[in-house]
Amino acid sequence: MSDEEDDYMSDKFLAGLQEVRPSLVQDRGKKRQIEVETKKEEQRKRQREATASSGTVDNARLQQSLSQPLSTDNKGFQLLAKMGYKAGSGLGKQPDARKEPVGITIKTGRGGLGRDAAVAELATKRQEIRRAHLLQRAGIESGEEISTEAYRRRATQKAEERKLQYDIRRCQQTCESLDLKAGVTLPDLEFFWPPQPKEEGDSDPEEDDPTEEEETPKEEQYTPVEQLELLTGYLRTAYSFCYWCGTHYEGSADLDSNCPGLTRDEH
C-alpha cells in the first residue's frame, strides 16, 4: 500500500465518516440541522396527506352545492330574472335548452387529464381478453353469438369429453393387464392397449416398406364413444369384468345376474 492511500482501518479514515443519527452526533450544530430536516420532512408529509383529504372533501361539498337550486337572493339569479329567466325553465330561446349547470369535478390526483380514460380502456380490454380465454376453453369461437345456456352446454360437453378420455385410458390399462395375465402378447385392436412410446432408435415400419402399406388394409377408425363401447364389451366377454362396477365376476352367469347393465347410466 502506498503512503498516499488512506488505511481504511486507521482512525483517520473513521474520523471522515459522517454520522447521521441525531442521538450519536456530538456537534450541536449538526444535531440541530438533522432535527430541522426531519421536522421539515414530516411537515411536508402531513401537507400532502391534508391536500389529498381536502380535495375529496371539497369535491363532495361542490357536488352537494351544485345539486341545490340557486336562491332568489343570488346575484346571478337576479341578473337572469331581469332578462326574463324563470326558475325551472331552460337557458336560451330553444325549448329543449339546458336546465341544469354543467357538472364540475375537482381533480385531486397528479395523473394526466387522459389517465382516467386510459385506465378505463385498459380495464375494458382486460375484460375482453378474459372473455376470449373463457370462450376458447369452452370451445366457442370469439365472434359467435352465444347465450348463457349455450356456454354451459359447451362447457358440459368439454367436461364429458375429458371424462370419456379418462375412461378409455383406464379401460386400456385394465385390458392390457388382463391380456398379459392370460398370455396374450398383442391386442385384438390397436387401441385396446395404451399407446406405447416410441424409442429414438425405432423406425416406423410403414415408412421402411411402402409396398406393405398398400397390401395391408388400414384399421378402421372409431370415435371415442365407440372405442369405449368396444373396450367394455371385450372385457365383459373375454374376462367377465365390468369396468363400471369395477368387479371381476366369476363367470358370465354371475356377471349377468349381478351387473346392472352395459353403460354408466345403468350403474
C-alpha atoms as a PDB file:
ATOM      1  CA  MET A   1       0.000   0.000   0.000  1.00  0.00           C
ATOM      2  CA  SER A   2       1.366   3.440  -0.942  1.00  0.00           C
ATOM      3  CA  ASP A   3       1.729   6.287   1.570  1.00  0.00           C
ATOM      4  CA  GLU A   4      -0.757   8.453  -0.349  1.00  0.00           C
ATOM      5  CA  GLU A   5      -3.648   5.984   0.152  1.00  0.00           C
ATOM      6  CA  ASP A   6      -5.568   6.110   3.443  1.00  0.00           C
ATOM      7  CA  ASP A   7      -5.725   2.989   5.519  1.00  0.00           C
ATOM      8  CA  TYR A   8      -9.418   2.113   5.994  1.00  0.00           C
ATOM      9  CA  MET A   9      -8.539   0.547   9.394  1.00  0.00           C
ATOM     10  CA  SER A  10      -6.969   3.744  10.766  1.00  0.00           C
ATOM     11  CA  ASP A  11      -8.640   6.400  12.943  1.00  0.00           C
ATOM     12  CA  LYS A  12      -8.097   8.952  10.176  1.00  0.00           C
ATOM     13  CA  PHE A  13     -10.418   7.051   7.859  1.00  0.00           C
ATOM     14  CA  LEU A  14     -13.115   6.598  10.528  1.00  0.00           C
ATOM     15  CA  ALA A  15     -12.986  10.255  11.503  1.00  0.00           C
ATOM     16  CA  GLY A  16     -14.006  11.287   7.990  1.00  0.00           C
ATOM     17  CA  LEU A  17     -17.289   9.383   8.166  1.00  0.00           C
ATOM     18  CA  GLN A  18     -20.460  11.353   8.935  1.00  0.00           C
ATOM     19  CA  GLU A  19     -22.888  10.014  11.460  1.00  0.00           C
ATOM     20  CA  VAL A  20     -26.490  10.858  10.571  1.00  0.00           C
ATOM     21  CA  ARG A  21     -28.236   9.600  13.698  1.00  0.00           C
ATOM     22  CA  PRO A  22     -29.028  12.593  15.952  1.00  0.00           C
ATOM     23  CA  SER A  23     -28.557  10.658  19.180  1.00  0.00           C
ATOM     24  CA  LEU A  24     -24.915   9.920  18.302  1.00  0.00           C
ATOM     25  CA  VAL A  25     -23.996  13.333  16.900  1.00  0.00           C
ATOM     26  CA  GLN A  26     -21.796  15.270  19.327  1.00  0.00           C
ATOM     27  CA  ASP A  27     -21.787  18.575  17.435  1.00  0.00           C
ATOM     28  CA  ARG A  28     -24.821  20.610  18.495  1.00  0.00           C
ATOM     29  CA  GLY A  29     -24.997  22.440  15.165  1.00  0.00           C
ATOM     30  CA  LYS A  30     -25.151  19.237  13.135  1.00  0.00           C
ATOM     31  CA  LYS A  31     -27.599  17.715  15.563  1.00  0.00           C
ATOM     32  CA  ARG A  32     -29.872  20.739  15.263  1.00  0.00           C
ATOM     33  CA  GLN A  33     -29.648  20.658  11.459  1.00  0.00           C
ATOM     34  CA  ILE A  34     -30.641  16.987  11.338  1.00  0.00           C
ATOM     35  CA  GLU A  35     -33.614  17.600  13.634  1.00  0.00           C
ATOM     36  CA  VAL A  36     -34.788  20.524  11.497  1.00  0.00           C
ATOM     37  CA  GLU A  37     -34.590  18.448   8.295  1.00  0.00           C
ATOM     38  CA  THR A  38     -36.523  15.633   9.955  1.00  0.00           C
ATOM     39  CA  LYS A  39     -39.274  18.009  11.080  1.00  0.00           C
ATOM     40  CA  LYS A  40     -39.483  19.557   7.596  1.00  0.00           C
ATOM     41  CA  GLU A  41     -39.907  16.143   6.006  1.00  0.00           C
ATOM     42  CA  GLU A  42     -42.669  15.246   8.469  1.00  0.00           C
ATOM     43  CA  GLN A  43     -44.378  18.594   7.790  1.00  0.00           C
ATOM     44  CA  ARG A  44     -44.279  18.003   4.012  1.00  0.00           C
ATOM     45  CA  LYS A  45     -45.731  14.547   4.505  1.00  0.00           C
ATOM     46  CA  ARG A  46     -48.616  15.938   6.600  1.00  0.00           C
ATOM     47  CA  GLN A  47     -49.289  18.589   3.963  1.00  0.00           C
ATOM     48  CA  ARG A  48     -49.512  16.005   1.198  1.00  0.00           C
ATOM     49  CA  GLU A  49     -51.965  13.937   3.236  1.00  0.00           C
ATOM     50  CA  ALA A  50     -54.038  17.025   4.100  1.00  0.00           C
ATOM     51  CA  THR A  51     -54.146  18.105   0.450  1.00  0.00           C
ATOM     52  CA  ALA A  52     -55.404  14.700  -0.667  1.00  0.00           C
ATOM     53  CA  SER A  53     -58.110  14.595   2.020  1.00  0.00           C
ATOM     54  CA  SER A  54     -59.192  18.210   1.483  1.00  0.00           C
ATOM     55  CA  GLY A  55     -59.584  17.575  -2.250  1.00  0.00           C
ATOM     56  CA  THR A  56     -62.060  14.786  -1.540  1.00  0.00           C
ATOM     57  CA  VAL A  57     -63.991  16.922   0.952  1.00  0.00           C
ATOM     58  CA  ASP A  58     -64.092  19.933  -1.396  1.00  0.00           C
ATOM     59  CA  ASN A  59     -65.325  17.765  -4.272  1.00  0.00           C
ATOM     60  CA  ALA A  60     -68.154  16.350  -2.147  1.00  0.00           C
ATOM     61  CA  ARG A  61     -69.098  19.838  -0.953  1.00  0.00           C
ATOM     62  CA  LEU A  62     -69.060  21.113  -4.551  1.00  0.00           C
ATOM     63  CA  GLN A  63     -71.354  18.337  -5.794  1.00  0.00           C
ATOM     64  CA  GLN A  64     -73.736  19.000  -2.902  1.00  0.00           C
ATOM     65  CA  SER A  65     -73.840  22.725  -3.736  1.00  0.00           C
ATOM     66  CA  LEU A  66     -74.433  22.081  -7.441  1.00  0.00           C
ATOM     67  CA  SER A  67     -77.359  19.774  -6.678  1.00  0.00           C
ATOM     68  CA  GLN A  68     -79.238  22.612  -4.943  1.00  0.00           C
ATOM     69  CA  PRO A  69     -81.085  25.311  -6.974  1.00  0.00           C
ATOM     70  CA  LEU A  70     -79.969  28.917  -6.788  1.00  0.00           C
ATOM     71  CA  SER A  71     -81.764  31.044  -4.241  1.00  0.00           C
ATOM     72  CA  THR A  72     -83.641  34.206  -5.268  1.00  0.00           C
ATOM     73  CA  ASP A  73     -81.147  36.451  -3.470  1.00  0.00           C
ATOM     74  CA  ASN A  74     -78.261  35.138  -5.605  1.00  0.00           C
ATOM     75  CA  LYS A  75     -76.772  37.891  -7.809  1.00  0.00           C
ATOM     76  CA  GLY A  76     -76.554  35.629 -10.850  1.00  0.00           C
ATOM     77  CA  PHE A  77     -80.170  34.522 -10.448  1.00  0.00           C
ATOM     78  CA  GLN A  78     -81.297  38.152 -10.133  1.00  0.00           C
ATOM     79  CA  LEU A  79     -79.465  39.094 -13.355  1.00  0.00           C
ATOM     80  CA  LEU A  80     -81.091  36.194 -15.205  1.00  0.00           C
ATOM     81  CA  ALA A  81     -84.518  37.160 -13.831  1.00  0.00           C
ATOM     82  CA  LYS A  82     -84.110  40.693 -15.217  1.00  0.00           C
ATOM     83  CA  MET A  83     -83.520  39.161 -18.670  1.00  0.00           C
ATOM     84  CA  GLY A  84     -86.729  37.121 -18.490  1.00  0.00           C
ATOM     85  CA  TYR A  85     -85.481  33.884 -16.980  1.00  0.00           C
ATOM     86  CA  LYS A  86     -87.956  31.868 -14.890  1.00  0.00           C
ATOM     87  CA  ALA A  87     -86.985  29.207 -12.347  1.00  0.00           C
ATOM     88  CA  GLY A  88     -87.193  25.690 -13.819  1.00  0.00           C
ATOM     89  CA  SER A  89     -87.028  26.772 -17.472  1.00  0.00           C
ATOM     90  CA  GLY A  90     -84.105  26.238 -19.852  1.00  0.00           C
ATOM     91  CA  LEU A  91     -81.481  28.840 -20.729  1.00  0.00           C
ATOM     92  CA  GLY A  92     -81.860  30.318 -24.214  1.00  0.00           C
ATOM     93  CA  LYS A  93     -84.585  30.540 -26.840  1.00  0.00           C
ATOM     94  CA  GLN A  94     -84.785  26.853 -27.663  1.00  0.00           C
ATOM     95  CA  PRO A  95     -87.427  24.844 -25.740  1.00  0.00           C
ATOM     96  CA  ASP A  96     -85.020  21.949 -25.130  1.00  0.00           C
ATOM     97  CA  ALA A  97     -82.273  24.176 -23.696  1.00  0.00           C
ATOM     98  CA  ARG A  98     -80.139  23.083 -20.773  1.00  0.00           C
ATOM     99  CA  LYS A  99     -81.884  23.304 -17.398  1.00  0.00           C
ATOM    100  CA  GLU A 100     -79.018  22.127 -15.205  1.00  0.00           C
ATOM    101  CA  PRO A 101     -75.499  23.595 -14.999  1.00  0.00           C
ATOM    102  CA  VAL A 102     -72.525  21.755 -16.459  1.00  0.00           C
ATOM    103  CA  GLY A 103     -71.118  19.277 -13.967  1.00  0.00           C
ATOM    104  CA  ILE A 104     -67.774  20.033 -12.333  1.00  0.00           C
ATOM    105  CA  THR A 105     -65.383  17.595 -10.700  1.00  0.00           C
ATOM    106  CA  ILE A 106     -62.259  18.688  -8.851  1.00  0.00           C
ATOM    107  CA  LYS A 107     -59.171  16.752  -9.921  1.00  0.00           C
ATOM    108  CA  THR A 108     -57.287  15.649  -6.804  1.00  0.00           C
ATOM    109  CA  GLY A 109     -54.702  13.262  -8.256  1.00  0.00           C
ATOM    110  CA  ARG A 110     -51.486  14.174 -10.033  1.00  0.00           C
ATOM    111  CA  GLY A 111     -52.113  11.986 -13.076  1.00  0.00           C
ATOM    112  CA  GLY A 112     -52.614  13.416 -16.547  1.00  0.00           C
ATOM    113  CA  LEU A 113     -56.007  14.507 -17.838  1.00  0.00           C
ATOM    114  CA  GLY A 114     -56.322  11.404 -20.027  1.00  0.00           C
ATOM    115  CA  ARG A 115     -55.182   8.896 -17.417  1.00  0.00           C
ATOM    116  CA  ASP A 116     -58.685   8.031 -16.155  1.00  0.00           C
ATOM    117  CA  ALA A 117     -59.858   7.309 -19.698  1.00  0.00           C
ATOM    118  CA  ALA A 118     -56.738   5.207 -20.352  1.00  0.00           C
ATOM    119  CA  VAL A 119     -57.293   3.186 -17.150  1.00  0.00           C
ATOM    120  CA  ALA A 120     -60.954   2.603 -18.061  1.00  0.00           C
ATOM    121  CA  GLU A 121     -59.960   1.491 -21.579  1.00  0.00           C
ATOM    122  CA  LEU A 122     -57.345  -0.863 -20.135  1.00  0.00           C
ATOM    123  CA  ALA A 123     -59.926  -2.439 -17.810  1.00  0.00           C
ATOM    124  CA  THR A 124     -62.301  -2.946 -20.759  1.00  0.00           C
ATOM    125  CA  LYS A 125     -59.585  -4.633 -22.838  1.00  0.00           C
ATOM    126  CA  ARG A 126     -58.677  -6.914 -19.934  1.00  0.00           C
ATOM    127  CA  GLN A 127     -62.318  -7.991 -19.648  1.00  0.00           C
ATOM    128  CA  GLU A 128     -62.456  -8.707 -23.394  1.00  0.00           C
ATOM    129  CA  ILE A 129     -59.257 -10.784 -23.254  1.00  0.00           C
ATOM    130  CA  ARG A 130     -60.520 -12.716 -20.240  1.00  0.00           C
ATOM    131  CA  ARG A 131     -63.832 -13.399 -22.016  1.00  0.00           C
ATOM    132  CA  ALA A 132     -61.966 -14.615 -25.113  1.00  0.00           C
ATOM    133  CA  HIS A 133     -59.906 -17.009 -22.978  1.00  0.00           C
ATOM    134  CA  LEU A 134     -63.035 -18.408 -21.323  1.00  0.00           C
ATOM    135  CA  LEU A 135     -64.696 -18.911 -24.701  1.00  0.00           C
ATOM    136  CA  GLN A 136     -61.588 -20.628 -26.041  1.00  0.00           C
ATOM    137  CA  ARG A 137     -61.527 -23.039 -23.110  1.00  0.00           C
ATOM    138  CA  ALA A 138     -65.187 -23.840 -23.739  1.00  0.00           C
ATOM    139  CA  GLY A 139     -64.549 -24.395 -27.465  1.00  0.00           C
ATOM    140  CA  ILE A 140     -66.585 -21.407 -28.641  1.00  0.00           C
ATOM    141  CA  GLU A 141     -65.483 -19.047 -31.397  1.00  0.00           C
ATOM    142  CA  SER A 142     -64.959 -15.464 -30.244  1.00  0.00           C
ATOM    143  CA  GLY A 143     -67.168 -13.997 -32.987  1.00  0.00           C
ATOM    144  CA  GLU A 144     -70.026 -16.405 -32.354  1.00  0.00           C
ATOM    145  CA  GLU A 145     -73.062 -15.049 -30.553  1.00  0.00           C
ATOM    146  CA  ILE A 146     -73.732 -17.163 -27.503  1.00  0.00           C
ATOM    147  CA  SER A 147     -76.083 -17.196 -24.559  1.00  0.00           C
ATOM    148  CA  THR A 148     -75.563 -18.416 -21.037  1.00  0.00           C
ATOM    149  CA  GLU A 149     -77.260 -21.690 -21.879  1.00  0.00           C
ATOM    150  CA  ALA A 150     -75.041 -22.233 -24.923  1.00  0.00           C
ATOM    151  CA  TYR A 151     -71.904 -21.556 -22.863  1.00  0.00           C
ATOM    152  CA  ARG A 152     -72.997 -24.017 -20.185  1.00  0.00           C
ATOM    153  CA  ARG A 153     -73.831 -26.609 -22.825  1.00  0.00           C
ATOM    154  CA  ARG A 154     -70.381 -26.283 -24.434  1.00  0.00           C
ATOM    155  CA  ALA A 155     -68.642 -26.408 -21.049  1.00  0.00           C
ATOM    156  CA  THR A 156     -70.601 -29.552 -20.143  1.00  0.00           C
ATOM    157  CA  GLN A 157     -69.661 -31.117 -23.481  1.00  0.00           C
ATOM    158  CA  LYS A 158     -65.968 -30.411 -22.850  1.00  0.00           C
ATOM    159  CA  ALA A 159     -66.205 -31.975 -19.397  1.00  0.00           C
ATOM    160  CA  GLU A 160     -67.876 -35.071 -20.853  1.00  0.00           C
ATOM    161  CA  GLU A 161     -65.112 -35.401 -23.454  1.00  0.00           C
ATOM    162  CA  ARG A 162     -62.414 -35.257 -20.764  1.00  0.00           C
ATOM    163  CA  LYS A 163     -64.295 -37.838 -18.724  1.00  0.00           C
ATOM    164  CA  LEU A 164     -64.608 -40.082 -21.774  1.00  0.00           C
ATOM    165  CA  GLN A 165     -60.866 -39.948 -22.466  1.00  0.00           C
ATOM    166  CA  TYR A 166     -60.180 -40.823 -18.811  1.00  0.00           C
ATOM    167  CA  ASP A 167     -62.464 -43.885 -19.009  1.00  0.00           C
ATOM    168  CA  ILE A 168     -60.768 -45.028 -22.230  1.00  0.00           C
ATOM    169  CA  ARG A 169     -57.305 -44.826 -20.648  1.00  0.00           C
ATOM    170  CA  ARG A 170     -58.450 -46.784 -17.602  1.00  0.00           C
ATOM    171  CA  CYS A 171     -60.064 -49.457 -19.781  1.00  0.00           C
ATOM    172  CA  GLN A 172     -56.902 -49.732 -21.889  1.00  0.00           C
ATOM    173  CA  GLN A 173     -54.776 -50.277 -18.789  1.00  0.00           C
ATOM    174  CA  THR A 174     -57.186 -52.900 -17.466  1.00  0.00           C
ATOM    175  CA  CYS A 175     -57.357 -54.662 -20.839  1.00  0.00           C
ATOM    176  CA  GLU A 176     -53.572 -54.783 -21.170  1.00  0.00           C
ATOM    177  CA  SER A 177     -53.161 -56.150 -17.645  1.00  0.00           C
ATOM    178  CA  LEU A 178     -55.746 -58.908 -18.130  1.00  0.00           C
ATOM    179  CA  ASP A 179     -54.436 -59.820 -21.605  1.00  0.00           C
ATOM    180  CA  LEU A 180     -50.858 -60.162 -20.377  1.00  0.00           C
ATOM    181  CA  LYS A 181     -52.016 -62.236 -17.431  1.00  0.00           C
ATOM    182  CA  ALA A 182     -53.862 -64.525 -19.881  1.00  0.00           C
ATOM    183  CA  GLY A 183     -50.784 -64.856 -22.104  1.00  0.00           C
ATOM    184  CA  VAL A 184     -51.978 -62.541 -24.889  1.00  0.00           C
ATOM    185  CA  THR A 185     -48.986 -60.734 -26.387  1.00  0.00           C
ATOM    186  CA  LEU A 186     -50.791 -58.474 -28.891  1.00  0.00           C
ATOM    187  CA  PRO A 187     -54.112 -56.611 -28.545  1.00  0.00           C
ATOM    188  CA  ASP A 188     -57.019 -57.596 -30.770  1.00  0.00           C
ATOM    189  CA  LEU A 189     -57.406 -53.949 -31.773  1.00  0.00           C
ATOM    190  CA  GLU A 190     -54.647 -51.358 -31.619  1.00  0.00           C
ATOM    191  CA  PHE A 191     -56.496 -49.050 -29.222  1.00  0.00           C
ATOM    192  CA  PHE A 192     -57.247 -51.875 -26.754  1.00  0.00           C
ATOM    193  CA  TRP A 193     -53.895 -51.222 -25.068  1.00  0.00           C
ATOM    194  CA  PRO A 194     -52.363 -47.874 -24.084  1.00  0.00           C
ATOM    195  CA  PRO A 195     -50.207 -46.375 -26.859  1.00  0.00           C
ATOM    196  CA  GLN A 196     -46.556 -47.337 -26.418  1.00  0.00           C
ATOM    197  CA  PRO A 197     -43.986 -44.508 -26.573  1.00  0.00           C
ATOM    198  CA  LYS A 198     -41.576 -44.815 -29.498  1.00  0.00           C
ATOM    199  CA  GLU A 199     -37.875 -45.066 -28.752  1.00  0.00           C
ATOM    200  CA  GLU A 200     -35.371 -42.872 -30.566  1.00  0.00           C
ATOM    201  CA  GLY A 201     -33.770 -45.767 -32.465  1.00  0.00           C
ATOM    202  CA  ASP A 202     -37.055 -47.323 -33.579  1.00  0.00           C
ATOM    203  CA  SER A 203     -38.302 -46.509 -37.067  1.00  0.00           C
ATOM    204  CA  ASP A 204     -41.815 -46.724 -38.408  1.00  0.00           C
ATOM    205  CA  PRO A 205     -42.191 -50.000 -40.401  1.00  0.00           C
ATOM    206  CA  GLU A 206     -44.688 -48.314 -42.744  1.00  0.00           C
ATOM    207  CA  GLU A 207     -42.014 -45.799 -43.741  1.00  0.00           C
ATOM    208  CA  ASP A 208     -39.414 -48.548 -44.325  1.00  0.00           C
ATOM    209  CA  ASP A 209     -41.605 -50.614 -46.649  1.00  0.00           C
ATOM    210  CA  PRO A 210     -44.081 -48.547 -48.684  1.00  0.00           C
ATOM    211  CA  THR A 211     -45.388 -51.623 -50.561  1.00  0.00           C
ATOM    212  CA  GLU A 212     -46.586 -53.196 -47.302  1.00  0.00           C
ATOM    213  CA  GLU A 213     -48.873 -50.232 -46.708  1.00  0.00           C
ATOM    214  CA  GLU A 214     -50.695 -50.932 -49.955  1.00  0.00           C
ATOM    215  CA  GLU A 215     -51.172 -54.649 -49.175  1.00  0.00           C
ATOM    216  CA  THR A 216     -52.248 -54.261 -45.514  1.00  0.00           C
ATOM    217  CA  PRO A 217     -55.643 -52.569 -45.131  1.00  0.00           C
ATOM    218  CA  LYS A 218     -55.775 -49.665 -42.715  1.00  0.00           C
ATOM    219  CA  GLU A 219     -57.510 -50.315 -39.397  1.00  0.00           C
ATOM    220  CA  GLU A 220     -60.931 -48.707 -39.220  1.00  0.00           C
ATOM    221  CA  GLN A 221     -61.107 -45.527 -37.191  1.00  0.00           C
ATOM    222  CA  TYR A 222     -63.540 -45.410 -34.294  1.00  0.00           C
ATOM    223  CA  THR A 223     -64.917 -42.484 -32.321  1.00  0.00           C
ATOM    224  CA  PRO A 224     -64.074 -42.269 -28.600  1.00  0.00           C
ATOM    225  CA  VAL A 225     -67.589 -43.396 -27.689  1.00  0.00           C
ATOM    226  CA  GLU A 226     -67.278 -46.435 -29.956  1.00  0.00           C
ATOM    227  CA  GLN A 227     -63.813 -47.246 -28.572  1.00  0.00           C
ATOM    228  CA  LEU A 228     -65.139 -47.227 -25.010  1.00  0.00           C
ATOM    229  CA  GLU A 229     -68.098 -49.393 -26.020  1.00  0.00           C
ATOM    230  CA  LEU A 230     -65.820 -51.953 -27.722  1.00  0.00           C
ATOM    231  CA  LEU A 231     -63.406 -51.992 -24.792  1.00  0.00           C
ATOM    232  CA  THR A 232     -66.055 -52.546 -22.128  1.00  0.00           C
ATOM    233  CA  GLY A 233     -67.744 -55.202 -24.263  1.00  0.00           C
ATOM    234  CA  TYR A 234     -64.444 -57.047 -24.796  1.00  0.00           C
ATOM    235  CA  LEU A 235     -63.670 -57.017 -21.061  1.00  0.00           C
ATOM    236  CA  ARG A 236     -67.126 -58.377 -20.243  1.00  0.00           C
ATOM    237  CA  THR A 237     -66.995 -61.147 -22.877  1.00  0.00           C
ATOM    238  CA  ALA A 238     -63.363 -62.246 -22.504  1.00  0.00           C
ATOM    239  CA  TYR A 239     -62.814 -61.873 -18.743  1.00  0.00           C
ATOM    240  CA  SER A 240     -66.264 -61.326 -17.157  1.00  0.00           C
ATOM    241  CA  PHE A 241     -65.028 -57.938 -15.966  1.00  0.00           C
ATOM    242  CA  CYS A 242     -67.322 -54.917 -15.725  1.00  0.00           C
ATOM    243  CA  TYR A 243     -65.458 -51.623 -15.871  1.00  0.00           C
ATOM    244  CA  TRP A 244     -68.395 -49.645 -14.472  1.00  0.00           C
ATOM    245  CA  CYS A 245     -68.775 -51.984 -11.489  1.00  0.00           C
ATOM    246  CA  GLY A 246     -65.022 -52.356 -11.098  1.00  0.00           C
ATOM    247  CA  THR A 247     -65.606 -56.053 -10.367  1.00  0.00           C
ATOM    248  CA  HIS A 248     -64.115 -59.228 -11.842  1.00  0.00           C
ATOM    249  CA  TYR A 249     -67.003 -61.711 -11.757  1.00  0.00           C
ATOM    250  CA  GLU A 250     -66.603 -65.486 -11.554  1.00  0.00           C
ATOM    251  CA  GLY A 251     -68.289 -66.106 -14.893  1.00  0.00           C
ATOM    252  CA  SER A 252     -70.840 -64.924 -17.427  1.00  0.00           C
ATOM    253  CA  ALA A 253     -73.761 -66.154 -15.315  1.00  0.00           C
ATOM    254  CA  ASP A 254     -72.506 -64.248 -12.272  1.00  0.00           C
ATOM    255  CA  LEU A 255     -71.944 -61.152 -14.449  1.00  0.00           C
ATOM    256  CA  ASP A 256     -75.449 -61.256 -15.949  1.00  0.00           C
ATOM    257  CA  SER A 257     -77.158 -61.715 -12.594  1.00  0.00           C
ATOM    258  CA  ASN A 258     -75.248 -59.131 -10.538  1.00  0.00           C
ATOM    259  CA  CYS A 259     -74.196 -56.421 -13.025  1.00  0.00           C
ATOM    260  CA  PRO A 260     -76.844 -53.679 -13.525  1.00  0.00           C
ATOM    261  CA  GLY A 261     -76.098 -53.105 -17.225  1.00  0.00           C
ATOM    262  CA  LEU A 262     -73.701 -52.233 -20.002  1.00  0.00           C
ATOM    263  CA  THR A 263     -73.392 -48.454 -19.618  1.00  0.00           C
ATOM    264  CA  ARG A 264     -72.529 -45.874 -16.987  1.00  0.00           C
ATOM    265  CA  ASP A 265     -76.109 -44.628 -16.768  1.00  0.00           C
ATOM    266  CA  GLU A 266     -77.377 -48.084 -15.853  1.00  0.00           C
ATOM    267  CA  HIS A 267     -74.996 -48.169 -12.919  1.00  0.00           C
END
